[in-house]
PDB file of N, CA and C in Angstrom:
ATOM      1  N   UNK A   1       0.843  -1.166   0.000  1.00  0.00           N
ATOM      2  CA  UNK A   1       0.000   0.000   0.000  1.00  0.00           C
ATOM      3  C   UNK A   1       0.891   1.234   0.000  1.00  0.00           C
ATOM      4  N   UNK A   2       0.558   2.176  -0.796  1.00  0.00           N
ATOM      5  CA  UNK A   2       1.345   3.401  -0.896  1.00  0.00           C
ATOM      6  C   UNK A   2       1.096   4.295   0.315  1.00  0.00           C
ATOM      7  N   UNK A   3       2.163   4.845   0.834  1.00  0.00           N
ATOM      8  CA  UNK A   3       2.059   5.759   1.966  1.00  0.00           C
ATOM      9  C   UNK A   3       1.356   7.024   1.509  1.00  0.00           C
ATOM     10  N   UNK A   4       0.421   7.517   2.347  1.00  0.00           N
ATOM     11  CA  UNK A   4      -0.272   8.754   2.027  1.00  0.00           C
ATOM     12  C   UNK A   4      -1.438   8.574   1.076  1.00  0.00           C
ATOM     13  N   UNK A   5      -1.766   7.359   0.747  1.00  0.00           N
ATOM     14  CA  UNK A   5      -2.839   7.112  -0.209  1.00  0.00           C
ATOM     15  C   UNK A   5      -4.211   7.365   0.393  1.00  0.00           C
ATOM     16  N   UNK A   6      -4.377   7.087   1.704  1.00  0.00           N
ATOM     17  CA  UNK A   6      -5.665   7.250   2.356  1.00  0.00           C
ATOM     18  C   UNK A   6      -5.561   8.330   3.420  1.00  0.00           C
ATOM     19  N   UNK A   7      -6.568   9.191   3.518  1.00  0.00           N
ATOM     20  CA  UNK A   7      -6.523  10.216   4.562  1.00  0.00           C
ATOM     21  C   UNK A   7      -6.678   9.580   5.933  1.00  0.00           C
ATOM     22  N   UNK A   8      -6.000  10.126   6.911  1.00  0.00           N
ATOM     23  CA  UNK A   8      -6.063   9.628   8.281  1.00  0.00           C
ATOM     24  C   UNK A   8      -6.703  10.706   9.134  1.00  0.00           C
ATOM     25  N   UNK A   9      -7.683  10.299   9.909  1.00  0.00           N
ATOM     26  CA  UNK A   9      -8.374  11.234  10.793  1.00  0.00           C
ATOM     27  C   UNK A   9      -8.000  10.921  12.226  1.00  0.00           C
ATOM     28  N   UNK A  10      -7.698  11.939  12.999  1.00  0.00           N
ATOM     29  CA  UNK A  10      -7.321  11.725  14.390  1.00  0.00           C
ATOM     30  C   UNK A  10      -8.350  12.297  15.353  1.00  0.00           C
ATOM     31  N   UNK A  11      -9.544  12.610  14.848  1.00  0.00           N
ATOM     32  CA  UNK A  11     -10.590  13.126  15.723  1.00  0.00           C
ATOM     33  C   UNK A  11     -10.989  12.066  16.726  1.00  0.00           C
ATOM     34  N   UNK A  12     -11.253  12.500  17.949  1.00  0.00           N
ATOM     35  CA  UNK A  12     -11.677  11.574  18.995  1.00  0.00           C
ATOM     36  C   UNK A  12     -13.170  11.334  18.872  1.00  0.00           C
ATOM     37  N   UNK A  13     -13.573  10.138  19.271  1.00  0.00           N
ATOM     38  CA  UNK A  13     -14.972   9.751  19.116  1.00  0.00           C
ATOM     39  C   UNK A  13     -15.914  10.604  19.951  1.00  0.00           C
ATOM     40  N   UNK A  14     -15.489  11.118  21.063  1.00  0.00           N
ATOM     41  CA  UNK A  14     -16.381  11.875  21.930  1.00  0.00           C
ATOM     42  C   UNK A  14     -16.272  13.380  21.706  1.00  0.00           C
ATOM     43  N   UNK A  15     -15.762  13.783  20.586  1.00  0.00           N
ATOM     44  CA  UNK A  15     -15.599  15.200  20.299  1.00  0.00           C
ATOM     45  C   UNK A  15     -16.948  15.898  20.367  1.00  0.00           C
ATOM     46  N   UNK A  16     -17.039  16.924  21.180  1.00  0.00           N
ATOM     47  CA  UNK A  16     -18.298  17.629  21.358  1.00  0.00           C
ATOM     48  C   UNK A  16     -18.423  18.835  20.443  1.00  0.00           C
ATOM     49  N   UNK A  17     -17.500  19.000  19.514  1.00  0.00           N
ATOM     50  CA  UNK A  17     -17.559  20.099  18.584  1.00  0.00           C
ATOM     51  C   UNK A  17     -16.839  21.346  19.062  1.00  0.00           C
ATOM     52  N   UNK A  18     -16.617  21.469  20.365  1.00  0.00           N
ATOM     53  CA  UNK A  18     -15.957  22.662  20.885  1.00  0.00           C
ATOM     54  C   UNK A  18     -14.442  22.512  20.885  1.00  0.00           C
ATOM     55  N   UNK A  19     -13.983  21.302  20.694  1.00  0.00           N
ATOM     56  CA  UNK A  19     -12.549  21.066  20.708  1.00  0.00           C
ATOM     57  C   UNK A  19     -12.005  20.776  22.091  1.00  0.00           C
ATOM     58  N   UNK A  20     -12.798  20.998  23.135  1.00  0.00           N
ATOM     59  CA  UNK A  20     -12.346  20.760  24.503  1.00  0.00           C
ATOM     60  C   UNK A  20     -12.624  19.320  24.898  1.00  0.00           C
ATOM     61  N   UNK A  21     -11.656  18.710  25.570  1.00  0.00           N
ATOM     62  CA  UNK A  21     -11.810  17.362  26.089  1.00  0.00           C
ATOM     63  C   UNK A  21     -11.455  17.364  27.565  1.00  0.00           C
ATOM     64  N   UNK A  22     -12.177  16.550  28.325  1.00  0.00           N
ATOM     65  CA  UNK A  22     -11.967  16.460  29.761  1.00  0.00           C
ATOM     66  C   UNK A  22     -11.677  15.006  30.122  1.00  0.00           C
ATOM     67  N   UNK A  23     -10.852  14.805  31.144  1.00  0.00           N
ATOM     68  CA  UNK A  23     -10.416  13.489  31.567  1.00  0.00           C
ATOM     69  C   UNK A  23     -10.479  13.404  33.082  1.00  0.00           C
ATOM     70  N   UNK A  24     -10.658  12.189  33.611  1.00  0.00           N
ATOM     71  CA  UNK A  24     -10.543  11.981  35.051  1.00  0.00           C
ATOM     72  C   UNK A  24      -9.204  11.305  35.293  1.00  0.00           C
ATOM     73  N   UNK A  25      -8.340  11.948  36.067  1.00  0.00           N
ATOM     74  CA  UNK A  25      -7.024  11.406  36.375  1.00  0.00           C
ATOM     75  C   UNK A  25      -7.142  10.521  37.616  1.00  0.00           C
ATOM     76  N   UNK A  26      -6.813   9.234  37.458  1.00  0.00           N
ATOM     77  CA  UNK A  26      -6.907   8.298  38.574  1.00  0.00           C
ATOM     78  C   UNK A  26      -5.736   8.435  39.537  1.00  0.00           C
ATOM     79  N   UNK A  27      -4.706   9.134  39.115  1.00  0.00           N
ATOM     80  CA  UNK A  27      -3.548   9.355  39.995  1.00  0.00           C
ATOM     81  C   UNK A  27      -3.759  10.567  40.895  1.00  0.00           C
ATOM     82  N   UNK A  28      -4.225  11.668  40.301  1.00  0.00           N
ATOM     83  CA  UNK A  28      -4.390  12.918  41.048  1.00  0.00           C
ATOM     84  C   UNK A  28      -5.817  13.144  41.547  1.00  0.00           C
ATOM     85  N   UNK A  29      -6.754  12.287  41.122  1.00  0.00           N
ATOM     86  CA  UNK A  29      -8.163  12.387  41.525  1.00  0.00           C
ATOM     87  C   UNK A  29      -8.725  13.771  41.215  1.00  0.00           C
ATOM     88  N   UNK A  30      -8.592  14.149  39.932  1.00  0.00           N
ATOM     89  CA  UNK A  30      -9.092  15.452  39.503  1.00  0.00           C
ATOM     90  C   UNK A  30      -9.428  15.409  38.017  1.00  0.00           C
ATOM     91  N   UNK A  31     -10.200  16.413  37.595  1.00  0.00           N
ATOM     92  CA  UNK A  31     -10.503  16.593  36.177  1.00  0.00           C
ATOM     93  C   UNK A  31      -9.320  17.297  35.527  1.00  0.00           C
ATOM     94  N   UNK A  32      -8.942  16.803  34.348  1.00  0.00           N
ATOM     95  CA  UNK A  32      -7.859  17.423  33.586  1.00  0.00           C
ATOM     96  C   UNK A  32      -8.347  17.711  32.175  1.00  0.00           C
ATOM     97  N   UNK A  33      -7.663  18.622  31.508  1.00  0.00           N
ATOM     98  CA  UNK A  33      -8.010  18.987  30.133  1.00  0.00           C
ATOM     99  C   UNK A  33      -6.857  18.621  29.208  1.00  0.00           C
ATOM    100  N   UNK A  34      -7.077  18.809  27.917  1.00  0.00           N
ATOM    101  CA  UNK A  34      -6.017  18.538  26.947  1.00  0.00           C
ATOM    102  C   UNK A  34      -4.733  19.281  27.292  1.00  0.00           C
ATOM    103  N   UNK A  35      -4.872  20.445  27.900  1.00  0.00           N
ATOM    104  CA  UNK A  35      -3.705  21.283  28.200  1.00  0.00           C
ATOM    105  C   UNK A  35      -2.835  20.720  29.323  1.00  0.00           C
ATOM    106  N   UNK A  36      -3.425  19.902  30.199  1.00  0.00           N
ATOM    107  CA  UNK A  36      -2.649  19.413  31.350  1.00  0.00           C
ATOM    108  C   UNK A  36      -2.919  17.940  31.660  1.00  0.00           C
ATOM    109  N   UNK A  37      -3.224  17.140  30.653  1.00  0.00           N
ATOM    110  CA  UNK A  37      -3.612  15.754  30.885  1.00  0.00           C
ATOM    111  C   UNK A  37      -2.405  14.865  31.171  1.00  0.00           C
ATOM    112  N   UNK A  38      -2.579  13.949  32.126  1.00  0.00           N
ATOM    113  CA  UNK A  38      -1.553  12.972  32.471  1.00  0.00           C
ATOM    114  C   UNK A  38      -1.484  11.897  31.377  1.00  0.00           C
ATOM    115  N   UNK A  39      -0.523  10.984  31.461  1.00  0.00           N
ATOM    116  CA  UNK A  39      -0.427   9.906  30.474  1.00  0.00           C
ATOM    117  C   UNK A  39      -1.716   9.078  30.419  1.00  0.00           C
ATOM    118  N   UNK A  40      -2.001   8.516  29.247  1.00  0.00           N
ATOM    119  CA  UNK A  40      -3.243   7.787  29.001  1.00  0.00           C
ATOM    120  C   UNK A  40      -3.486   6.663  30.005  1.00  0.00           C
ATOM    121  N   UNK A  41      -2.434   6.026  30.489  1.00  0.00           N
ATOM    122  CA  UNK A  41      -2.619   4.916  31.434  1.00  0.00           C
ATOM    123  C   UNK A  41      -3.163   5.384  32.778  1.00  0.00           C
ATOM    124  N   UNK A  42      -3.198   6.703  33.006  1.00  0.00           N
ATOM    125  CA  UNK A  42      -3.664   7.236  34.286  1.00  0.00           C
ATOM    126  C   UNK A  42      -4.986   7.984  34.194  1.00  0.00           C
ATOM    127  N   UNK A  43      -5.592   8.025  33.009  1.00  0.00           N
ATOM    128  CA  UNK A  43      -6.816   8.807  32.876  1.00  0.00           C
ATOM    129  C   UNK A  43      -7.948   8.010  32.251  1.00  0.00           C
ATOM    130  N   UNK A  44      -9.162   8.441  32.548  1.00  0.00           N
ATOM    131  CA  UNK A  44     -10.370   7.936  31.902  1.00  0.00           C
ATOM    132  C   UNK A  44     -10.886   9.062  31.024  1.00  0.00           C
ATOM    133  N   UNK A  45     -11.331   8.719  29.847  1.00  0.00           N
ATOM    134  CA  UNK A  45     -11.864   9.742  28.957  1.00  0.00           C
ATOM    135  C   UNK A  45     -11.289   9.623  27.574  1.00  0.00           C
ATOM    136  N   UNK A  46     -11.568  10.522  26.722  1.00  0.00           N
ATOM    137  CA  UNK A  46     -12.064  11.873  26.980  1.00  0.00           C
ATOM    138  C   UNK A  46     -13.584  11.926  27.157  1.00  0.00           C
ATOM    139  N   UNK A  47     -14.025  12.955  27.863  1.00  0.00           N
ATOM    140  CA  UNK A  47     -15.432  13.234  28.089  1.00  0.00           C
ATOM    141  C   UNK A  47     -15.756  14.603  27.510  1.00  0.00           C
ATOM    142  N   UNK A  48     -17.031  14.810  27.234  1.00  0.00           N
ATOM    143  CA  UNK A  48     -17.475  16.059  26.614  1.00  0.00           C
ATOM    144  C   UNK A  48     -17.536  17.227  27.594  1.00  0.00           C
ATOM    145  N   UNK A  49     -17.640  16.919  28.899  1.00  0.00           N
ATOM    146  CA  UNK A  49     -17.730  17.997  29.882  1.00  0.00           C
ATOM    147  C   UNK A  49     -16.935  17.638  31.136  1.00  0.00           C
ATOM    148  N   UNK A  50     -16.613  18.661  31.901  1.00  0.00           N
ATOM    149  CA  UNK A  50     -15.906  18.449  33.162  1.00  0.00           C
ATOM    150  C   UNK A  50     -16.776  17.640  34.122  1.00  0.00           C
ATOM    151  N   UNK A  51     -18.081  17.866  34.091  1.00  0.00           N
ATOM    152  CA  UNK A  51     -19.005  17.129  34.944  1.00  0.00           C
ATOM    153  C   UNK A  51     -19.002  15.641  34.606  1.00  0.00           C
ATOM    154  N   UNK A  52     -19.014  15.308  33.318  1.00  0.00           N
ATOM    155  CA  UNK A  52     -18.953  13.900  32.905  1.00  0.00           C
ATOM    156  C   UNK A  52     -17.654  13.255  33.382  1.00  0.00           C
ATOM    157  N   UNK A  53     -16.557  13.978  33.266  1.00  0.00           N
ATOM    158  CA  UNK A  53     -15.263  13.450  33.705  1.00  0.00           C
ATOM    159  C   UNK A  53     -15.248  13.245  35.212  1.00  0.00           C
ATOM    160  N   UNK A  54     -15.839  14.184  35.941  1.00  0.00           N
ATOM    161  CA  UNK A  54     -15.867  14.100  37.400  1.00  0.00           C
ATOM    162  C   UNK A  54     -16.665  12.886  37.880  1.00  0.00           C
ATOM    163  N   UNK A  55     -17.640  12.459  37.104  1.00  0.00           N
ATOM    164  CA  UNK A  55     -18.484  11.315  37.461  1.00  0.00           C
ATOM    165  C   UNK A  55     -18.017  10.009  36.819  1.00  0.00           C
ATOM    166  N   UNK A  56     -16.826   9.990  36.266  1.00  0.00           N
ATOM    167  CA  UNK A  56     -16.317   8.826  35.537  1.00  0.00           C
ATOM    168  C   UNK A  56     -16.259   7.574  36.400  1.00  0.00           C
ATOM    169  N   UNK A  57     -15.765   7.666  37.607  1.00  0.00           N
ATOM    170  CA  UNK A  57     -15.629   6.478  38.463  1.00  0.00           C
ATOM    171  C   UNK A  57     -16.987   5.897  38.843  1.00  0.00           C
ATOM    172  N   UNK A  58     -17.966   6.754  39.061  1.00  0.00           N
ATOM    173  CA  UNK A  58     -19.316   6.279  39.366  1.00  0.00           C
ATOM    174  C   UNK A  58     -19.881   5.534  38.161  1.00  0.00           C
ATOM    175  N   UNK A  59     -19.654   6.072  36.991  1.00  0.00           N
ATOM    176  CA  UNK A  59     -20.131   5.431  35.761  1.00  0.00           C
ATOM    177  C   UNK A  59     -19.443   4.077  35.549  1.00  0.00           C
ATOM    178  N   UNK A  60     -18.163   4.010  35.822  1.00  0.00           N
ATOM    179  CA  UNK A  60     -17.428   2.746  35.708  1.00  0.00           C
ATOM    180  C   UNK A  60     -18.024   1.720  36.678  1.00  0.00           C
ATOM    181  N   UNK A  61     -18.283   2.125  37.909  1.00  0.00           N
ATOM    182  CA  UNK A  61     -18.847   1.218  38.903  1.00  0.00           C
ATOM    183  C   UNK A  61     -20.217   0.711  38.463  1.00  0.00           C
ATOM    184  N   UNK A  62     -21.064   1.603  37.963  1.00  0.00           N
ATOM    185  CA  UNK A  62     -22.400   1.202  37.517  1.00  0.00           C
ATOM    186  C   UNK A  62     -22.311   0.208  36.359  1.00  0.00           C
ATOM    187  N   UNK A  63     -21.427   0.453  35.419  1.00  0.00           N
ATOM    188  CA  UNK A  63     -21.274  -0.463  34.287  1.00  0.00           C
ATOM    189  C   UNK A  63     -20.734  -1.816  34.740  1.00  0.00           C
ATOM    190  N   UNK A  64     -19.762  -1.811  35.645  1.00  0.00           N
ATOM    191  CA  UNK A  64     -19.219  -3.070  36.148  1.00  0.00           C
ATOM    192  C   UNK A  64     -20.298  -3.897  36.846  1.00  0.00           C
ATOM    193  N   UNK A  65     -21.125  -3.245  37.653  1.00  0.00           N
ATOM    194  CA  UNK A  65     -22.201  -3.948  38.342  1.00  0.00           C
ATOM    195  C   UNK A  65     -23.189  -4.549  37.343  1.00  0.00           C
ATOM    196  N   UNK A  66     -23.528  -3.789  36.318  1.00  0.00           N
ATOM    197  CA  UNK A  66     -24.454  -4.288  35.296  1.00  0.00           C
ATOM    198  C   UNK A  66     -23.851  -5.474  34.553  1.00  0.00           C
ATOM    199  N   UNK A  67     -22.570  -5.394  34.214  1.00  0.00           N
ATOM    200  CA  UNK A  67     -21.908  -6.498  33.500  1.00  0.00           C
ATOM    201  C   UNK A  67     -21.798  -7.740  34.383  1.00  0.00           C
ATOM    202  N   UNK A  68     -21.499  -7.547  35.671  1.00  0.00           N
ATOM    203  CA  UNK A  68     -21.412  -8.682  36.587  1.00  0.00           C
ATOM    204  C   UNK A  68     -22.774  -9.360  36.743  1.00  0.00           C
ATOM    205  N   UNK A  69     -23.842  -8.562  36.806  1.00  0.00           N
ATOM    206  CA  UNK A  69     -25.189  -9.121  36.898  1.00  0.00           C
ATOM    207  C   UNK A  69     -25.526  -9.896  35.628  1.00  0.00           C
ATOM    208  N   UNK A  70     -25.152  -9.370  34.489  1.00  0.00           N
ATOM    209  CA  UNK A  70     -25.392 -10.059  33.217  1.00  0.00           C
ATOM    210  C   UNK A  70     -24.588 -11.360  33.149  1.00  0.00           C
ATOM    211  N   UNK A  71     -23.340 -11.330  33.591  1.00  0.00           N
ATOM    212  CA  UNK A  71     -22.525 -12.549  33.628  1.00  0.00           C
ATOM    213  C   UNK A  71     -23.169 -13.605  34.529  1.00  0.00           C
ATOM    214  N   UNK A  72     -23.664 -13.175  35.687  1.00  0.00           N
ATOM    215  CA  UNK A  72     -24.301 -14.098  36.618  1.00  0.00           C
ATOM    216  C   UNK A  72     -25.575 -14.677  36.004  1.00  0.00           C
ATOM    217  N   UNK A  73     -26.335 -13.842  35.303  1.00  0.00           N
ATOM    218  CA  UNK A  73     -27.557 -14.313  34.651  1.00  0.00           C
ATOM    219  C   UNK A  73     -27.222 -15.376  33.621  1.00  0.00           C
ATOM    220  N   UNK A  74     -26.186 -15.132  32.829  1.00  0.00           N
ATOM    221  CA  UNK A  74     -25.771 -16.100  31.811  1.00  0.00           C
ATOM    222  C   UNK A  74     -25.293 -17.402  32.453  1.00  0.00           C
ATOM    223  N   UNK A  75     -24.702 -17.307  33.632  1.00  0.00           N
ATOM    224  CA  UNK A  75     -24.199 -18.491  34.321  1.00  0.00           C
ATOM    225  C   UNK A  75     -25.279 -19.189  35.148  1.00  0.00           C
ATOM    226  N   UNK A  76     -26.492 -18.603  35.154  1.00  0.00           N
ATOM    227  CA  UNK A  76     -27.593 -19.201  35.911  1.00  0.00           C
ATOM    228  C   UNK A  76     -27.575 -18.849  37.381  1.00  0.00           C
ATOM    229  N   UNK A  77     -26.862 -17.812  37.745  1.00  0.00           N
ATOM    230  CA  UNK A  77     -26.742 -17.374  39.139  1.00  0.00           C
ATOM    231  C   UNK A  77     -27.443 -16.036  39.310  1.00  0.00           C
ATOM    232  N   UNK A  78     -28.743 -16.031  39.248  1.00  0.00           N
ATOM    233  CA  UNK A  78     -29.490 -14.772  39.345  1.00  0.00           C
ATOM    234  C   UNK A  78     -29.078 -13.992  40.577  1.00  0.00           C
ATOM    235  N   UNK A  79     -28.932 -12.689  40.415  1.00  0.00           N
ATOM    236  CA  UNK A  79     -28.582 -11.807  41.533  1.00  0.00           C
ATOM    237  C   UNK A  79     -29.780 -11.019  41.979  1.00  0.00           C
TER     238      UNK A  79
END
Protein backbone atom coordinates (compact mmCIF):
# COMPACT_ATOMS: atom_id res chain seq x y z
CA UNK A 1 0.00 0.00 0.00
CA UNK A 2 1.34 3.40 -0.90
CA UNK A 3 2.06 5.76 1.97
CA UNK A 4 -0.27 8.75 2.03
CA UNK A 5 -2.84 7.11 -0.21
CA UNK A 6 -5.66 7.25 2.36
CA UNK A 7 -6.52 10.22 4.56
CA UNK A 8 -6.06 9.63 8.28
CA UNK A 9 -8.37 11.23 10.79
CA UNK A 10 -7.32 11.72 14.39
CA UNK A 11 -10.59 13.13 15.72
CA UNK A 12 -11.68 11.57 18.99
CA UNK A 13 -14.97 9.75 19.12
CA UNK A 14 -16.38 11.87 21.93
CA UNK A 15 -15.60 15.20 20.30
CA UNK A 16 -18.30 17.63 21.36
CA UNK A 17 -17.56 20.10 18.58
CA UNK A 18 -15.96 22.66 20.88
CA UNK A 19 -12.55 21.07 20.71
CA UNK A 20 -12.35 20.76 24.50
CA UNK A 21 -11.81 17.36 26.09
CA UNK A 22 -11.97 16.46 29.76
CA UNK A 23 -10.42 13.49 31.57
CA UNK A 24 -10.54 11.98 35.05
CA UNK A 25 -7.02 11.41 36.38
CA UNK A 26 -6.91 8.30 38.57
CA UNK A 27 -3.55 9.36 39.99
CA UNK A 28 -4.39 12.92 41.05
CA UNK A 29 -8.16 12.39 41.53
CA UNK A 30 -9.09 15.45 39.50
CA UNK A 31 -10.50 16.59 36.18
CA UNK A 32 -7.86 17.42 33.59
CA UNK A 33 -8.01 18.99 30.13
CA UNK A 34 -6.02 18.54 26.95
CA UNK A 35 -3.70 21.28 28.20
CA UNK A 36 -2.65 19.41 31.35
CA UNK A 37 -3.61 15.75 30.89
CA UNK A 38 -1.55 12.97 32.47
CA UNK A 39 -0.43 9.91 30.47
CA UNK A 40 -3.24 7.79 29.00
CA UNK A 41 -2.62 4.92 31.43
CA UNK A 42 -3.66 7.24 34.29
CA UNK A 43 -6.82 8.81 32.88
CA UNK A 44 -10.37 7.94 31.90
CA UNK A 45 -11.86 9.74 28.96
CA UNK A 46 -12.06 11.87 26.98
CA UNK A 47 -15.43 13.23 28.09
CA UNK A 48 -17.47 16.06 26.61
CA UNK A 49 -17.73 18.00 29.88
CA UNK A 50 -15.91 18.45 33.16
CA UNK A 51 -19.00 17.13 34.94
CA UNK A 52 -18.95 13.90 32.91
CA UNK A 53 -15.26 13.45 33.71
CA UNK A 54 -15.87 14.10 37.40
CA UNK A 55 -18.48 11.32 37.46
CA UNK A 56 -16.32 8.83 35.54
CA UNK A 57 -15.63 6.48 38.46
CA UNK A 58 -19.32 6.28 39.37
CA UNK A 59 -20.13 5.43 35.76
CA UNK A 60 -17.43 2.75 35.71
CA UNK A 61 -18.85 1.22 38.90
CA UNK A 62 -22.40 1.20 37.52
CA UNK A 63 -21.27 -0.46 34.29
CA UNK A 64 -19.22 -3.07 36.15
CA UNK A 65 -22.20 -3.95 38.34
CA UNK A 66 -24.45 -4.29 35.30
CA UNK A 67 -21.91 -6.50 33.50
CA UNK A 68 -21.41 -8.68 36.59
CA UNK A 69 -25.19 -9.12 36.90
CA UNK A 70 -25.39 -10.06 33.22
CA UNK A 71 -22.52 -12.55 33.63
CA UNK A 72 -24.30 -14.10 36.62
CA UNK A 73 -27.56 -14.31 34.65
CA UNK A 74 -25.77 -16.10 31.81
CA UNK A 75 -24.20 -18.49 34.32
CA UNK A 76 -27.59 -19.20 35.91
CA UNK A 77 -26.74 -17.37 39.14
CA UNK A 78 -29.49 -14.77 39.35
CA UNK A 79 -28.58 -11.81 41.53
